Amino acid sequence: MRLSETFLPTLKDPPADAEAASHKLMVRAGLIRQLGAGLWTWLPAGWRVLRKVETIIREEMEAIGCQEMLMPVLQPAEPWQKTGRYGIEEMFKLEDRKGSPLVLAMTHEESITHHVAQEVRSYRDLPLMLFHIQTKERDEPRPRAGVLRTREFTMKDAYSFDRDEQGLERAYELQSGAYARILDRCGLRWHRVESDVGMMGGSGAHEYMAPCAAGEDAVALAPGFAANVDVTDLREGDPGPEGGTVEIVPAIEVGNIFKLGTRYTEPLGATYLDEHGSEQPIVMGCYGIGPARIVAAAIEQGADERGIVWPRALAPWQIELVSLAKAGEDERKAADELYAVLRESGAEVLYDDRDRGPGEKLTDAELLGCPLRVVVGRRGIAKGVVEATERATGAEHELPLENAAGAALALLQAEDGE
């Protein structure tokens, strides 16, 4: 991708109202732009990052036998009325032209349970795990922190349906393991903590927390122990349950899992016939994770004073190639040739071929934070090399010009092995 042809509007200064590092950097780096209060547009570079997170999520869901589908955001109000959740203040409510009440879904327990109630008849149809990645709407009273607290967002929500509590426990552990792999692959530092069931209901819940300064939640941590402060009496400096002392840290909630039991299946009539022909309520779990929150948490945890430092798996491009020469100069020809070879090798490369000064180009490259920056300039060409810098460590390398593409790719592979 040539930067001269890419919609990547960078800024020197952050928005005046931005407090969170991720908010500041995502706007400055050209990943997102605001449309209204709590409403954000993902620009091409940001969308590339978000899609990478979604790809990791899909792979791990499918690996545990969870099947992808897609349900509407616009839903009839009746199922929400049956479950007692129609009165949720943050839910957008509307009517169609005939006066029929509708909602814009914040989550999809009611709709997925409706479908299961219609289709599942026998114990032979269970267990079942389904998921989708879909837009959600929430009438958030105080949108803030960029994509962390918004009125419209994308979420992966998965649902398990089982014959009994034992089956739910199995599904819960499968999803928990998948969440651990998702967050590890996304390069986050995270904790699974005990939490309250809240508006979701059910018998138990855990949250997945990414510690960082912008977090709105507080987590109590000690050796072998982690819990949301809302569900523990432990405070900063208290002895930990398994030793050590408790530390309270801010964190971003990036995911949550709930043991719903029959909270939704009973009011919506989702039952099955067991081996003896008796009707039983289906036992349910739900599992949510926020791709945008994962992106923001990754930025919060990795950023430095110069800009974003991406985990390799999430970076919009793996290499940013920077030409310091103008069109027609010999150094530009060498950069063009290197770009062609990198593309042929299948590398994800962003080529800064703009007619801008070296300072602006190098500053923008650090702001965007691709894992490896390769600079082609007059000084290096005279020595027969190009200059490569690892964004995460600042390590600098001189790569031989005749095999610069192969050497750059080898550096990326070496990073993967660390």
Protein backbone atom coordinates (compact mmCIF):
# COMPACT_ATOMS: atom_id res chain seq x y z
CA MET A 1 0.00 0.00 0.00
CA ARG A 2 1.42 3.38 -1.05
CA LEU A 3 0.86 6.03 1.60
CA SER A 4 0.38 8.64 -1.13
CA GLU A 5 -2.77 6.69 -2.13
CA THR A 6 -3.94 5.79 1.39
CA PHE A 7 -6.58 7.58 3.45
CA LEU A 8 -4.47 7.97 6.59
CA PRO A 9 -4.98 11.51 7.97
CA THR A 10 -2.49 12.00 10.81
CA LEU A 11 -2.55 14.89 13.28
CA LYS A 12 0.15 16.59 15.34
CA ASP A 13 -2.17 17.29 18.26
CA PRO A 14 -4.85 15.14 19.95
CA PRO A 15 -8.49 16.21 20.36
CA ALA A 16 -8.94 18.77 23.12
CA ASP A 17 -11.32 16.51 25.05
CA ALA A 18 -9.17 13.36 24.82
CA GLU A 19 -7.83 11.98 28.11
CA ALA A 20 -7.09 8.30 27.41
CA ALA A 21 -3.86 7.55 25.54
CA SER A 22 -5.71 5.26 23.14
CA HIS A 23 -8.21 8.03 22.30
CA LYS A 24 -5.43 10.50 21.58
CA LEU A 25 -3.29 8.13 19.54
CA MET A 26 -6.07 6.50 17.53
CA VAL A 27 -7.20 9.93 16.34
CA ARG A 28 -3.69 11.28 15.77
CA ALA A 29 -2.58 8.15 13.88
CA GLY A 30 -5.59 8.31 11.55
CA LEU A 31 -7.26 5.12 12.78
CA ILE A 32 -10.62 6.65 13.74
CA ARG A 33 -12.67 9.82 13.40
CA GLN A 34 -15.68 10.98 15.41
CA LEU A 35 -19.09 11.38 13.79
CA GLY A 36 -21.06 12.31 16.92
CA ALA A 37 -21.13 11.75 20.66
CA GLY A 38 -20.10 8.14 21.20
CA LEU A 39 -20.12 7.46 17.44
CA TRP A 40 -16.85 6.59 15.73
CA THR A 41 -15.87 5.79 12.16
CA TRP A 42 -13.03 3.32 11.65
CA LEU A 43 -10.76 4.60 8.88
CA PRO A 44 -8.84 2.12 6.67
CA ALA A 45 -5.80 1.61 8.93
CA GLY A 46 -7.96 1.21 12.03
CA TRP A 47 -10.30 -1.14 10.19
CA ARG A 48 -7.34 -3.35 9.26
CA VAL A 49 -6.48 -3.66 12.96
CA LEU A 50 -10.06 -4.38 13.99
CA ARG A 51 -10.40 -7.08 11.32
CA LYS A 52 -7.24 -8.77 12.61
CA VAL A 53 -8.75 -8.98 16.08
CA GLU A 54 -11.98 -10.38 14.63
CA THR A 55 -10.02 -12.97 12.65
CA ILE A 56 -8.29 -14.20 15.81
CA ILE A 57 -11.65 -14.38 17.59
CA ARG A 58 -13.23 -16.35 14.73
CA GLU A 59 -10.37 -18.82 14.63
CA GLU A 60 -10.54 -19.53 18.35
CA MET A 61 -14.35 -19.79 18.39
CA GLU A 62 -14.34 -22.25 15.50
CA ALA A 63 -11.55 -24.25 17.18
CA ILE A 64 -13.92 -25.14 20.06
CA GLY A 65 -16.84 -25.97 17.78
CA CYS A 66 -18.66 -22.64 18.12
CA GLN A 67 -20.52 -21.90 14.87
CA GLU A 68 -20.79 -18.41 13.37
CA MET A 69 -24.11 -16.87 12.35
CA LEU A 70 -25.56 -13.35 12.15
CA MET A 71 -28.63 -11.88 13.86
CA PRO A 72 -30.29 -8.50 13.31
CA VAL A 73 -29.61 -5.43 15.41
CA LEU A 74 -33.22 -4.28 14.94
CA GLN A 75 -35.48 -6.61 16.92
CA PRO A 76 -39.12 -6.89 18.02
CA ALA A 77 -39.68 -5.76 21.59
CA GLU A 78 -41.78 -8.77 22.61
CA PRO A 79 -38.94 -11.15 23.59
CA TRP A 80 -37.37 -8.39 25.68
CA GLN A 81 -40.71 -7.83 27.39
CA LYS A 82 -40.96 -11.54 28.17
CA THR A 83 -37.51 -11.60 29.81
CA GLY A 84 -38.17 -8.40 31.76
CA ARG A 85 -35.36 -6.47 30.10
CA TYR A 86 -37.42 -4.09 27.96
CA GLY A 87 -37.20 -1.45 30.67
CA ILE A 88 -33.39 -1.17 30.50
CA GLU A 89 -32.79 2.57 30.37
CA GLU A 90 -29.78 2.39 28.06
CA MET A 91 -31.62 0.48 25.33
CA PHE A 92 -32.76 2.38 22.24
CA LYS A 93 -36.50 1.86 21.69
CA LEU A 94 -38.54 2.82 18.63
CA GLU A 95 -41.67 1.97 16.65
CA ASP A 96 -42.17 1.08 13.01
CA ARG A 97 -44.75 2.85 10.83
CA LYS A 98 -47.47 0.52 12.10
CA GLY A 99 -46.71 1.37 15.72
CA SER A 100 -45.12 -1.98 16.54
CA PRO A 101 -42.49 -1.61 19.30
CA LEU A 102 -38.89 -2.41 18.35
CA VAL A 103 -35.47 -2.21 19.99
CA LEU A 104 -31.90 -1.74 18.84
CA ALA A 105 -30.17 -4.62 20.55
CA MET A 106 -27.44 -4.13 23.14
CA THR A 107 -26.90 -7.89 23.19
CA HIS A 108 -28.61 -10.91 21.64
CA GLU A 109 -29.76 -13.33 24.35
CA GLU A 110 -33.41 -12.83 23.46
CA SER A 111 -33.00 -13.35 19.72
CA ILE A 112 -30.70 -16.39 19.91
CA THR A 113 -32.96 -18.03 22.51
CA HIS A 114 -35.96 -17.40 20.26
CA HIS A 115 -34.29 -19.31 17.42
CA VAL A 116 -33.19 -22.17 19.66
CA ALA A 117 -36.70 -22.43 21.10
CA GLN A 118 -38.04 -22.77 17.55
CA GLU A 119 -35.52 -25.34 16.32
CA VAL A 120 -34.27 -27.51 19.21
CA ARG A 121 -36.60 -30.35 20.19
CA SER A 122 -34.58 -33.25 21.53
CA TYR A 123 -31.64 -33.92 23.82
CA ARG A 124 -29.96 -35.17 20.64
CA ASP A 125 -29.86 -31.55 19.39
CA LEU A 126 -27.68 -30.52 22.33
CA PRO A 127 -25.06 -29.32 23.18
CA LEU A 128 -24.89 -26.35 20.83
CA MET A 129 -22.60 -23.30 20.68
CA LEU A 130 -23.26 -20.35 18.36
CA PHE A 131 -21.67 -16.92 17.94
CA HIS A 132 -21.76 -13.81 15.83
CA ILE A 133 -19.80 -10.57 15.50
CA GLN A 134 -22.36 -7.81 15.24
CA THR A 135 -23.05 -4.13 15.85
CA LYS A 136 -24.60 -3.23 19.20
CA GLU A 137 -26.39 -0.04 20.21
CA ARG A 138 -26.43 1.49 23.69
CA ASP A 139 -27.85 4.84 24.78
CA GLU A 140 -24.73 5.58 26.75
CA PRO A 141 -25.33 8.63 28.99
CA ARG A 142 -21.66 9.69 29.09
CA PRO A 143 -19.68 8.55 26.05
CA ARG A 144 -15.95 9.00 26.67
CA ALA A 145 -12.43 7.70 26.09
CA GLY A 146 -12.73 7.26 22.33
CA VAL A 147 -13.82 3.72 21.43
CA LEU A 148 -13.88 2.55 25.05
CA ARG A 149 -17.33 3.91 25.94
CA THR A 150 -19.52 4.46 22.91
CA ARG A 151 -23.14 4.39 21.77
CA GLU A 152 -22.44 2.00 18.88
CA PHE A 153 -19.87 -0.78 18.96
CA THR A 154 -19.10 -4.22 17.59
CA MET A 155 -19.05 -7.23 19.87
CA LYS A 156 -18.52 -10.93 19.53
CA ASP A 157 -21.20 -12.65 21.55
CA ALA A 158 -21.37 -16.42 21.80
CA TYR A 159 -24.07 -18.58 23.38
CA SER A 160 -24.02 -22.14 24.66
CA PHE A 161 -27.07 -24.39 25.05
CA ASP A 162 -26.87 -27.58 27.09
CA ARG A 163 -29.01 -30.26 28.69
CA ASP A 164 -27.88 -29.56 32.24
CA GLU A 165 -25.51 -27.64 34.51
CA GLN A 166 -22.74 -30.15 33.90
CA GLY A 167 -22.91 -29.38 30.18
CA LEU A 168 -22.85 -25.65 30.93
CA GLU A 169 -19.69 -26.09 33.00
CA ARG A 170 -18.01 -27.82 30.06
CA ALA A 171 -19.02 -25.04 27.64
CA TYR A 172 -17.94 -22.37 30.13
CA GLU A 173 -14.47 -23.87 30.39
CA LEU A 174 -14.18 -24.24 26.62
CA GLN A 175 -15.04 -20.56 26.16
CA SER A 176 -12.73 -19.55 29.00
CA GLY A 177 -9.84 -21.35 27.34
CA ALA A 178 -10.65 -19.74 24.00
CA TYR A 179 -10.68 -16.30 25.62
CA ALA A 180 -7.27 -16.91 27.13
CA ARG A 181 -5.88 -17.84 23.71
CA ILE A 182 -7.55 -14.84 22.04
CA LEU A 183 -6.08 -12.34 24.48
CA ASP A 184 -2.66 -14.00 24.43
CA ARG A 185 -2.60 -13.94 20.62
CA CYS A 186 -3.60 -10.26 20.70
CA GLY A 187 -0.59 -9.54 22.89
CA LEU A 188 -2.47 -8.27 25.94
CA ARG A 189 -1.61 -8.50 29.61
CA TRP A 190 -4.84 -9.64 31.23
CA HIS A 191 -6.54 -11.21 34.24
CA ARG A 192 -9.68 -13.30 34.57
CA VAL A 193 -11.56 -11.97 37.57
CA GLU A 194 -14.68 -12.93 39.47
CA SER A 195 -17.53 -10.50 38.81
CA ASP A 196 -21.17 -9.73 39.45
CA VAL A 197 -23.81 -11.04 37.01
CA GLY A 198 -25.40 -7.58 36.70
CA MET A 199 -28.27 -7.10 34.23
CA MET A 200 -27.42 -10.38 32.50
CA GLY A 201 -28.58 -12.55 35.39
CA GLY A 202 -27.55 -16.13 36.02
CA SER A 203 -25.49 -17.93 38.63
CA GLY A 204 -21.92 -16.85 37.96
CA ALA A 205 -19.68 -14.65 35.86
CA HIS A 206 -16.08 -13.72 35.12
CA GLU A 207 -14.59 -10.67 33.44
CA TYR A 208 -11.40 -10.40 31.40
CA MET A 209 -9.48 -7.31 32.46
CA ALA A 210 -6.53 -5.61 30.76
CA PRO A 211 -4.66 -3.45 33.31
CA CYS A 212 -3.92 0.09 32.10
CA ALA A 213 -4.24 3.67 33.26
CA ALA A 214 -7.36 4.38 31.18
CA GLY A 215 -9.35 1.54 32.74
CA GLU A 216 -12.69 2.47 34.27
CA ASP A 217 -12.82 -0.69 36.38
CA ALA A 218 -10.69 -1.53 39.39
CA VAL A 219 -9.23 -4.97 39.96
CA ALA A 220 -7.87 -6.44 43.19
CA LEU A 221 -4.75 -8.51 42.48
CA ALA A 222 -2.60 -10.72 44.69
CA PRO A 223 -0.58 -13.90 44.02
CA GLY A 224 -3.07 -16.52 42.80
CA PHE A 225 -6.01 -14.13 43.19
CA ALA A 226 -7.87 -11.63 40.98
CA ALA A 227 -11.31 -10.10 41.45
CA ASN A 228 -13.32 -7.05 40.52
CA VAL A 229 -13.34 -4.74 43.54
CA ASP A 230 -17.14 -4.75 43.38
CA VAL A 231 -17.25 -8.40 44.47
CA THR A 232 -14.53 -8.48 47.09
CA ASP A 233 -14.00 -6.85 50.48
CA LEU A 234 -10.24 -6.79 49.98
CA ARG A 235 -8.56 -3.42 49.64
CA GLU A 236 -5.12 -2.07 48.76
CA GLY A 237 -2.47 -3.47 51.09
CA ASP A 238 -4.65 -6.21 52.59
CA PRO A 239 -3.15 -9.70 52.89
CA GLY A 240 -3.95 -11.77 49.79
CA PRO A 241 -6.04 -14.95 50.17
CA GLU A 242 -3.10 -17.08 48.99
CA GLY A 243 -0.26 -14.89 50.26
CA GLY A 244 1.30 -11.56 49.34
CA THR A 245 -0.56 -8.28 49.54
CA VAL A 246 -3.47 -6.93 47.52
CA GLU A 247 -2.86 -4.31 44.85
CA ILE A 248 -5.75 -2.36 43.30
CA VAL A 249 -5.16 -1.46 39.64
CA PRO A 250 -7.32 0.19 36.96
CA ALA A 251 -8.24 -2.03 34.03
CA ILE A 252 -10.28 -2.15 30.84
CA GLU A 253 -12.91 -4.86 30.67
CA VAL A 254 -12.33 -6.54 27.29
CA GLY A 255 -14.59 -9.57 27.74
CA ASN A 256 -17.03 -11.33 30.03
CA ILE A 257 -18.61 -14.76 30.41
CA PHE A 258 -21.83 -15.68 32.22
CA LYS A 259 -23.51 -18.84 33.45
CA LEU A 260 -27.09 -17.89 32.59
CA GLY A 261 -28.75 -21.18 33.48
CA THR A 262 -32.45 -20.95 32.55
CA ARG A 263 -32.68 -17.15 32.98
CA TYR A 264 -33.71 -16.70 29.32
CA THR A 265 -34.77 -20.16 28.20
CA GLU A 266 -37.64 -20.44 30.67
CA PRO A 267 -39.44 -17.16 29.83
CA LEU A 268 -38.87 -17.73 26.09
CA GLY A 269 -39.92 -21.38 26.10
CA ALA A 270 -36.65 -22.96 25.01
CA THR A 271 -37.03 -26.58 26.10
CA TYR A 272 -36.07 -30.07 24.95
CA LEU A 273 -37.29 -33.61 25.50
CA ASP A 274 -34.86 -35.72 27.52
CA GLU A 275 -34.11 -39.44 27.10
CA HIS A 276 -37.32 -40.28 28.98
CA GLY A 277 -39.56 -37.98 26.93
CA SER A 278 -39.84 -35.38 29.69
CA GLU A 279 -39.68 -31.67 28.81
CA GLN A 280 -36.70 -29.83 30.33
CA PRO A 281 -35.51 -26.21 30.11
CA ILE A 282 -32.31 -25.71 28.13
CA VAL A 283 -29.37 -24.49 30.21
CA MET A 284 -27.56 -21.51 28.72
CA GLY A 285 -24.32 -19.51 28.89
CA CYS A 286 -23.22 -16.34 27.11
CA TYR A 287 -19.76 -15.06 26.29
CA GLY A 288 -18.94 -11.53 25.09
CA ILE A 289 -15.71 -9.92 23.92
CA GLY A 290 -15.12 -6.44 22.48
CA PRO A 291 -12.77 -6.17 19.49
CA ALA A 292 -12.55 -2.36 19.76
CA ARG A 293 -11.73 -2.61 23.46
CA ILE A 294 -8.96 -5.10 22.67
CA VAL A 295 -7.50 -2.60 20.17
CA ALA A 296 -7.68 0.25 22.69
CA ALA A 297 -6.18 -1.89 25.47
CA ALA A 298 -3.30 -2.96 23.23
CA ILE A 299 -2.52 0.70 22.52
CA GLU A 300 -2.82 1.68 26.19
CA GLN A 301 -0.46 -1.08 27.30
CA GLY A 302 2.17 -0.65 24.60
CA ALA A 303 2.33 3.03 23.66
CA ASP A 304 5.31 5.26 24.38
CA GLU A 305 5.92 9.00 24.09
CA ARG A 306 6.33 8.76 20.31
CA GLY A 307 3.15 6.86 19.51
CA ILE A 308 1.63 3.41 19.18
CA VAL A 309 3.67 0.23 19.68
CA TRP A 310 1.54 -2.58 18.26
CA PRO A 311 1.62 -6.24 19.19
CA ARG A 312 2.75 -7.98 16.02
CA ALA A 313 -0.59 -9.75 15.54
CA LEU A 314 -2.60 -6.50 15.49
CA ALA A 315 -0.40 -4.06 13.56
CA PRO A 316 -2.11 -2.60 10.48
CA TRP A 317 1.05 -3.35 8.48
CA GLN A 318 4.12 -5.29 9.54
CA ILE A 319 6.61 -3.04 7.75
CA GLU A 320 6.60 0.67 7.02
CA LEU A 321 9.00 1.44 4.20
CA VAL A 322 10.09 5.09 4.14
CA SER A 323 11.72 6.72 1.15
CA LEU A 324 13.65 9.91 1.96
CA ALA A 325 14.17 10.74 -1.72
CA LYS A 326 12.03 12.62 -4.19
CA ALA A 327 10.49 11.12 -7.31
CA GLY A 328 13.09 10.57 -10.05
CA GLU A 329 16.08 10.32 -7.73
CA ASP A 330 18.17 7.13 -7.63
CA GLU A 331 17.30 6.53 -3.99
CA ARG A 332 13.58 6.63 -4.84
CA LYS A 333 14.14 3.99 -7.52
CA ALA A 334 15.81 1.74 -4.96
CA ALA A 335 12.88 2.22 -2.57
CA ASP A 336 10.37 1.47 -5.34
CA GLU A 337 12.20 -1.75 -6.18
CA LEU A 338 12.35 -2.81 -2.52
CA TYR A 339 8.62 -2.13 -2.17
CA ALA A 340 7.90 -4.34 -5.19
CA VAL A 341 9.99 -7.21 -3.79
CA LEU A 342 8.35 -6.96 -0.36
CA ARG A 343 4.89 -7.05 -1.91
CA GLU A 344 5.80 -10.06 -4.04
CA SER A 345 6.97 -11.84 -0.89
CA GLY A 346 3.51 -11.37 0.63
CA ALA A 347 4.65 -8.92 3.31
CA GLU A 348 2.18 -6.43 4.75
CA VAL A 349 3.98 -3.22 3.84
CA LEU A 350 3.01 0.44 3.91
CA TYR A 351 5.25 2.50 1.61
CA ASP A 352 5.65 6.18 2.50
CA ASP A 353 6.29 7.59 -0.96
CA ARG A 354 4.83 11.02 -0.16
CA ASP A 355 6.59 14.24 -1.17
CA ARG A 356 7.14 15.26 2.45
CA GLY A 357 10.17 16.06 4.57
CA PRO A 358 12.15 13.30 6.33
CA GLY A 359 11.18 14.57 9.79
CA GLU A 360 7.46 14.37 9.08
CA LYS A 361 7.76 10.92 7.53
CA LEU A 362 9.76 9.45 10.41
CA THR A 363 7.49 11.05 13.01
CA ASP A 364 4.39 9.64 11.30
CA ALA A 365 6.00 6.20 11.13
CA GLU A 366 6.64 6.18 14.88
CA LEU A 367 3.12 7.45 15.55
CA LEU A 368 1.52 4.63 13.52
CA GLY A 369 3.81 2.09 15.17
CA CYS A 370 4.32 -0.66 12.59
CA PRO A 371 6.68 -3.29 14.04
CA LEU A 372 9.53 -2.64 11.59
CA ARG A 373 10.49 0.62 9.89
CA VAL A 374 12.80 0.41 6.88
CA VAL A 375 14.33 3.68 5.64
CA VAL A 376 15.85 4.13 2.21
CA GLY A 377 17.96 7.29 2.05
CA ARG A 378 21.01 8.77 0.35
CA ARG A 379 23.39 8.05 3.25
CA GLY A 380 22.43 4.39 3.45
CA ILE A 381 22.45 3.82 -0.30
CA ALA A 382 25.99 5.21 -0.43
CA LYS A 383 26.99 2.47 2.03
CA GLY A 384 24.98 -0.20 0.19
CA VAL A 385 22.45 -0.61 3.01
CA VAL A 386 18.98 0.38 4.17
CA GLU A 387 18.29 1.26 7.80
CA ALA A 388 15.78 -0.83 9.79
CA THR A 389 14.42 -0.01 13.25
CA GLU A 390 12.33 -2.27 15.47
CA ARG A 391 9.49 -0.16 16.91
CA ALA A 392 9.11 -2.11 20.14
CA THR A 393 12.76 -2.10 21.22
CA GLY A 394 14.33 0.68 19.17
CA ALA A 395 16.97 -1.77 17.95
CA GLU A 396 18.62 -0.53 14.75
CA HIS A 397 19.96 -2.65 11.90
CA GLU A 398 21.75 -2.02 8.62
CA LEU A 399 20.40 -4.40 5.98
CA PRO A 400 22.33 -5.10 2.77
CA LEU A 401 20.56 -3.40 -0.11
CA GLU A 402 20.81 -6.41 -2.42
CA ASN A 403 18.81 -8.58 0.03
CA ALA A 404 16.97 -5.98 2.05
CA ALA A 405 13.56 -7.62 1.66
CA GLY A 406 14.77 -11.01 2.88
CA ALA A 407 16.69 -9.46 5.76
CA ALA A 408 13.65 -7.40 6.83
CA LEU A 409 11.41 -10.46 6.81
CA ALA A 410 14.03 -12.38 8.80
CA LEU A 411 13.98 -9.65 11.45
CA LEU A 412 10.21 -9.98 11.76
CA GLN A 413 10.50 -13.75 12.10
CA ALA A 414 13.17 -13.30 14.78
CA GLU A 415 10.76 -11.06 16.71
CA ASP A 416 8.13 -13.80 16.51
CA GLY A 417 10.59 -16.27 18.01
CA GLU A 418 11.38 -14.14 21.03
